[in-house]
Amino acid sequence: MKNIMVHKGLIGSVCFSEEDMVFHGKIEGIIDLVSYEGSTVEELVTNFHEAVDDYLELCKEVGKEPGKSYKGSFNVRINPDLHKKAAIKAKIMGISLNQFVLIAIEKELTNHRG
């Protein structure tokens, strides 16, 4: 089970506060902080959809591109043995470790849509 929701291409987190007896979350992958809550699952989903719609409308009104810009680079921390195996496999394939990781990510995204 995933603890996310998706509406109009934006992802929302799903959390539960036992202390407050409320579901809550925020829109992920954007620079701005947009949160929502609900006392039932149905209310949470409705409020998430409204938060996304409001956020997109606000972005449109102010001429701002919704979301977060991605530079195309990030650090990945893995155990040393896996790092060694990947480096050896990349060398055998005649490509860089960076290219090897890129191919692996593209393959995973192609094979597991949705």
C-alpha atoms as a PDB file:
ATOM      1  CA  MET A   1       0.000   0.000   0.000  1.00  0.00           C
ATOM      2  CA  LYS A   2       1.342   3.411  -0.959  1.00  0.00           C
ATOM      3  CA  ASN A   3       1.003   6.384   1.342  1.00  0.00           C
ATOM      4  CA  ILE A   4       0.544   8.843  -1.499  1.00  0.00           C
ATOM      5  CA  MET A   5      -2.210  10.314  -3.620  1.00  0.00           C
ATOM      6  CA  VAL A   6      -1.908  11.740  -7.132  1.00  0.00           C
ATOM      7  CA  HIS A   7      -4.046  14.479  -8.644  1.00  0.00           C
ATOM      8  CA  LYS A   8      -3.272  16.387 -11.854  1.00  0.00           C
ATOM      9  CA  GLY A   9       0.282  15.079 -11.813  1.00  0.00           C
ATOM     10  CA  LEU A  10       1.068  16.250  -8.279  1.00  0.00           C
ATOM     11  CA  ILE A  11       1.805  13.863  -5.430  1.00  0.00           C
ATOM     12  CA  GLY A  12       0.361  14.219  -1.954  1.00  0.00           C
ATOM     13  CA  SER A  13       1.603  12.514   1.181  1.00  0.00           C
ATOM     14  CA  VAL A  14      -0.727  10.715   3.567  1.00  0.00           C
ATOM     15  CA  CYS A  15      -0.077  10.682   7.317  1.00  0.00           C
ATOM     16  CA  PHE A  16      -2.210  10.014  10.373  1.00  0.00           C
ATOM     17  CA  SER A  17      -1.985  11.737  13.742  1.00  0.00           C
ATOM     18  CA  GLU A  18      -3.322   9.470  16.459  1.00  0.00           C
ATOM     19  CA  GLU A  19      -3.078  12.330  18.946  1.00  0.00           C
ATOM     20  CA  ASP A  20      -5.304  14.618  16.843  1.00  0.00           C
ATOM     21  CA  MET A  21      -7.265  11.763  15.189  1.00  0.00           C
ATOM     22  CA  VAL A  22      -6.805  13.404  11.783  1.00  0.00           C
ATOM     23  CA  PHE A  23      -5.280  12.483   8.433  1.00  0.00           C
ATOM     24  CA  HIS A  24      -2.934  15.083   6.993  1.00  0.00           C
ATOM     25  CA  GLY A  25      -0.393  15.563   4.254  1.00  0.00           C
ATOM     26  CA  LYS A  26       1.329  17.995   1.944  1.00  0.00           C
ATOM     27  CA  ILE A  27       1.942  18.316  -1.764  1.00  0.00           C
ATOM     28  CA  GLU A  28       5.351  16.763  -2.442  1.00  0.00           C
ATOM     29  CA  GLY A  29       7.903  17.823  -5.036  1.00  0.00           C
ATOM     30  CA  ILE A  30       7.137  21.547  -4.981  1.00  0.00           C
ATOM     31  CA  ILE A  31       9.062  24.445  -3.484  1.00  0.00           C
ATOM     32  CA  ASP A  32       5.994  25.859  -1.722  1.00  0.00           C
ATOM     33  CA  LEU A  33       4.364  24.359   1.354  1.00  0.00           C
ATOM     34  CA  VAL A  34       0.785  23.311   0.634  1.00  0.00           C
ATOM     35  CA  SER A  35      -0.855  21.094   3.246  1.00  0.00           C
ATOM     36  CA  TYR A  36      -4.307  19.573   3.761  1.00  0.00           C
ATOM     37  CA  GLU A  37      -6.125  17.420   6.301  1.00  0.00           C
ATOM     38  CA  GLY A  38      -9.318  15.525   6.914  1.00  0.00           C
ATOM     39  CA  SER A  39     -10.981  13.509   9.638  1.00  0.00           C
ATOM     40  CA  THR A  40     -11.964  10.765   7.166  1.00  0.00           C
ATOM     41  CA  VAL A  41     -10.215   9.296   4.157  1.00  0.00           C
ATOM     42  CA  GLU A  42     -12.873  10.783   1.893  1.00  0.00           C
ATOM     43  CA  GLU A  43     -12.374  14.232   3.440  1.00  0.00           C
ATOM     44  CA  LEU A  44      -8.596  13.940   3.101  1.00  0.00           C
ATOM     45  CA  VAL A  45      -8.862  13.049  -0.602  1.00  0.00           C
ATOM     46  CA  THR A  46     -11.330  15.876  -1.260  1.00  0.00           C
ATOM     47  CA  ASN A  47      -9.148  18.401   0.567  1.00  0.00           C
ATOM     48  CA  PHE A  48      -6.038  17.166  -1.274  1.00  0.00           C
ATOM     49  CA  HIS A  49      -7.763  17.656  -4.633  1.00  0.00           C
ATOM     50  CA  GLU A  50      -8.892  21.141  -3.586  1.00  0.00           C
ATOM     51  CA  ALA A  51      -5.368  22.011  -2.393  1.00  0.00           C
ATOM     52  CA  VAL A  52      -3.887  20.910  -5.727  1.00  0.00           C
ATOM     53  CA  ASP A  53      -6.526  22.810  -7.704  1.00  0.00           C
ATOM     54  CA  ASP A  54      -5.984  25.957  -5.603  1.00  0.00           C
ATOM     55  CA  TYR A  55      -2.197  25.680  -5.919  1.00  0.00           C
ATOM     56  CA  LEU A  56      -2.342  25.277  -9.695  1.00  0.00           C
ATOM     57  CA  GLU A  57      -4.770  28.190 -10.005  1.00  0.00           C
ATOM     58  CA  LEU A  58      -2.554  30.422  -7.848  1.00  0.00           C
ATOM     59  CA  CYS A  59       0.504  29.507  -9.939  1.00  0.00           C
ATOM     60  CA  LYS A  60      -1.441  30.401 -13.081  1.00  0.00           C
ATOM     61  CA  GLU A  61      -2.573  33.729 -11.632  1.00  0.00           C
ATOM     62  CA  VAL A  62       0.936  34.820 -10.639  1.00  0.00           C
ATOM     63  CA  GLY A  63       2.606  33.382 -13.739  1.00  0.00           C
ATOM     64  CA  LYS A  64       4.629  30.843 -11.789  1.00  0.00           C
ATOM     65  CA  GLU A  65       5.543  27.390 -13.070  1.00  0.00           C
ATOM     66  CA  PRO A  66       4.121  24.860 -10.579  1.00  0.00           C
ATOM     67  CA  GLY A  67       6.444  22.300  -9.087  1.00  0.00           C
ATOM     68  CA  LYS A  68      10.110  22.120  -8.397  1.00  0.00           C
ATOM     69  CA  SER A  69      12.972  22.391 -10.835  1.00  0.00           C
ATOM     70  CA  TYR A  70      15.224  19.377 -11.030  1.00  0.00           C
ATOM     71  CA  LYS A  71      18.884  19.898 -11.932  1.00  0.00           C
ATOM     72  CA  GLY A  72      19.437  16.387 -13.225  1.00  0.00           C
ATOM     73  CA  SER A  73      22.011  15.442 -10.634  1.00  0.00           C
ATOM     74  CA  PHE A  74      21.699  13.853  -7.211  1.00  0.00           C
ATOM     75  CA  ASN A  75      23.748  11.818  -4.761  1.00  0.00           C
ATOM     76  CA  VAL A  76      22.961   8.176  -4.173  1.00  0.00           C
ATOM     77  CA  ARG A  77      24.265   6.344  -1.121  1.00  0.00           C
ATOM     78  CA  ILE A  78      24.527   2.565  -1.410  1.00  0.00           C
ATOM     79  CA  ASN A  79      26.494  -0.090   0.411  1.00  0.00           C
ATOM     80  CA  PRO A  80      30.118  -0.494  -0.735  1.00  0.00           C
ATOM     81  CA  ASP A  81      29.627  -4.018  -2.112  1.00  0.00           C
ATOM     82  CA  LEU A  82      26.759  -2.903  -4.364  1.00  0.00           C
ATOM     83  CA  HIS A  83      28.835   0.105  -5.460  1.00  0.00           C
ATOM     84  CA  LYS A  84      31.723  -2.223  -6.398  1.00  0.00           C
ATOM     85  CA  LYS A  85      29.444  -4.599  -8.336  1.00  0.00           C
ATOM     86  CA  ALA A  86      27.853  -1.720 -10.259  1.00  0.00           C
ATOM     87  CA  ALA A  87      31.250  -0.208 -11.098  1.00  0.00           C
ATOM     88  CA  ILE A  88      32.554  -3.571 -12.358  1.00  0.00           C
ATOM     89  CA  LYS A  89      29.409  -4.194 -14.425  1.00  0.00           C
ATOM     90  CA  ALA A  90      29.652  -0.686 -15.937  1.00  0.00           C
ATOM     91  CA  LYS A  91      33.335  -1.262 -16.808  1.00  0.00           C
ATOM     92  CA  ILE A  92      32.458  -4.589 -18.472  1.00  0.00           C
ATOM     93  CA  MET A  93      29.717  -2.842 -20.450  1.00  0.00           C
ATOM     94  CA  GLY A  94      32.182  -0.124 -21.491  1.00  0.00           C
ATOM     95  CA  ILE A  95      30.190   2.695 -19.940  1.00  0.00           C
ATOM     96  CA  SER A  96      30.581   5.018 -16.981  1.00  0.00           C
ATOM     97  CA  LEU A  97      28.991   4.287 -13.624  1.00  0.00           C
ATOM     98  CA  ASN A  98      26.801   7.346 -14.203  1.00  0.00           C
ATOM     99  CA  GLN A  99      25.556   5.904 -17.523  1.00  0.00           C
ATOM    100  CA  PHE A 100      24.956   2.538 -15.836  1.00  0.00           C
ATOM    101  CA  VAL A 101      22.773   4.145 -13.158  1.00  0.00           C
ATOM    102  CA  LEU A 102      20.904   6.170 -15.793  1.00  0.00           C
ATOM    103  CA  ILE A 103      20.131   2.992 -17.771  1.00  0.00           C
ATOM    104  CA  ALA A 104      18.984   1.194 -14.602  1.00  0.00           C
ATOM    105  CA  ILE A 105      16.643   4.061 -13.640  1.00  0.00           C
ATOM    106  CA  GLU A 106      15.203   4.310 -17.153  1.00  0.00           C
ATOM    107  CA  LYS A 107      14.666   0.539 -17.232  1.00  0.00           C
ATOM    108  CA  GLU A 108      12.900   0.570 -13.852  1.00  0.00           C
ATOM    109  CA  LEU A 109      10.633   3.460 -14.865  1.00  0.00           C
ATOM    110  CA  THR A 110       9.784   1.805 -18.195  1.00  0.00           C
ATOM    111  CA  ASN A 111       9.019  -1.583 -16.647  1.00  0.00           C
ATOM    112  CA  HIS A 112       6.903  -0.296 -13.743  1.00  0.00           C
ATOM    113  CA  ARG A 113       4.487   2.257 -15.065  1.00  0.00           C
ATOM    114  CA  GLY A 114       1.954   3.727 -12.688  1.00  0.00           C
END
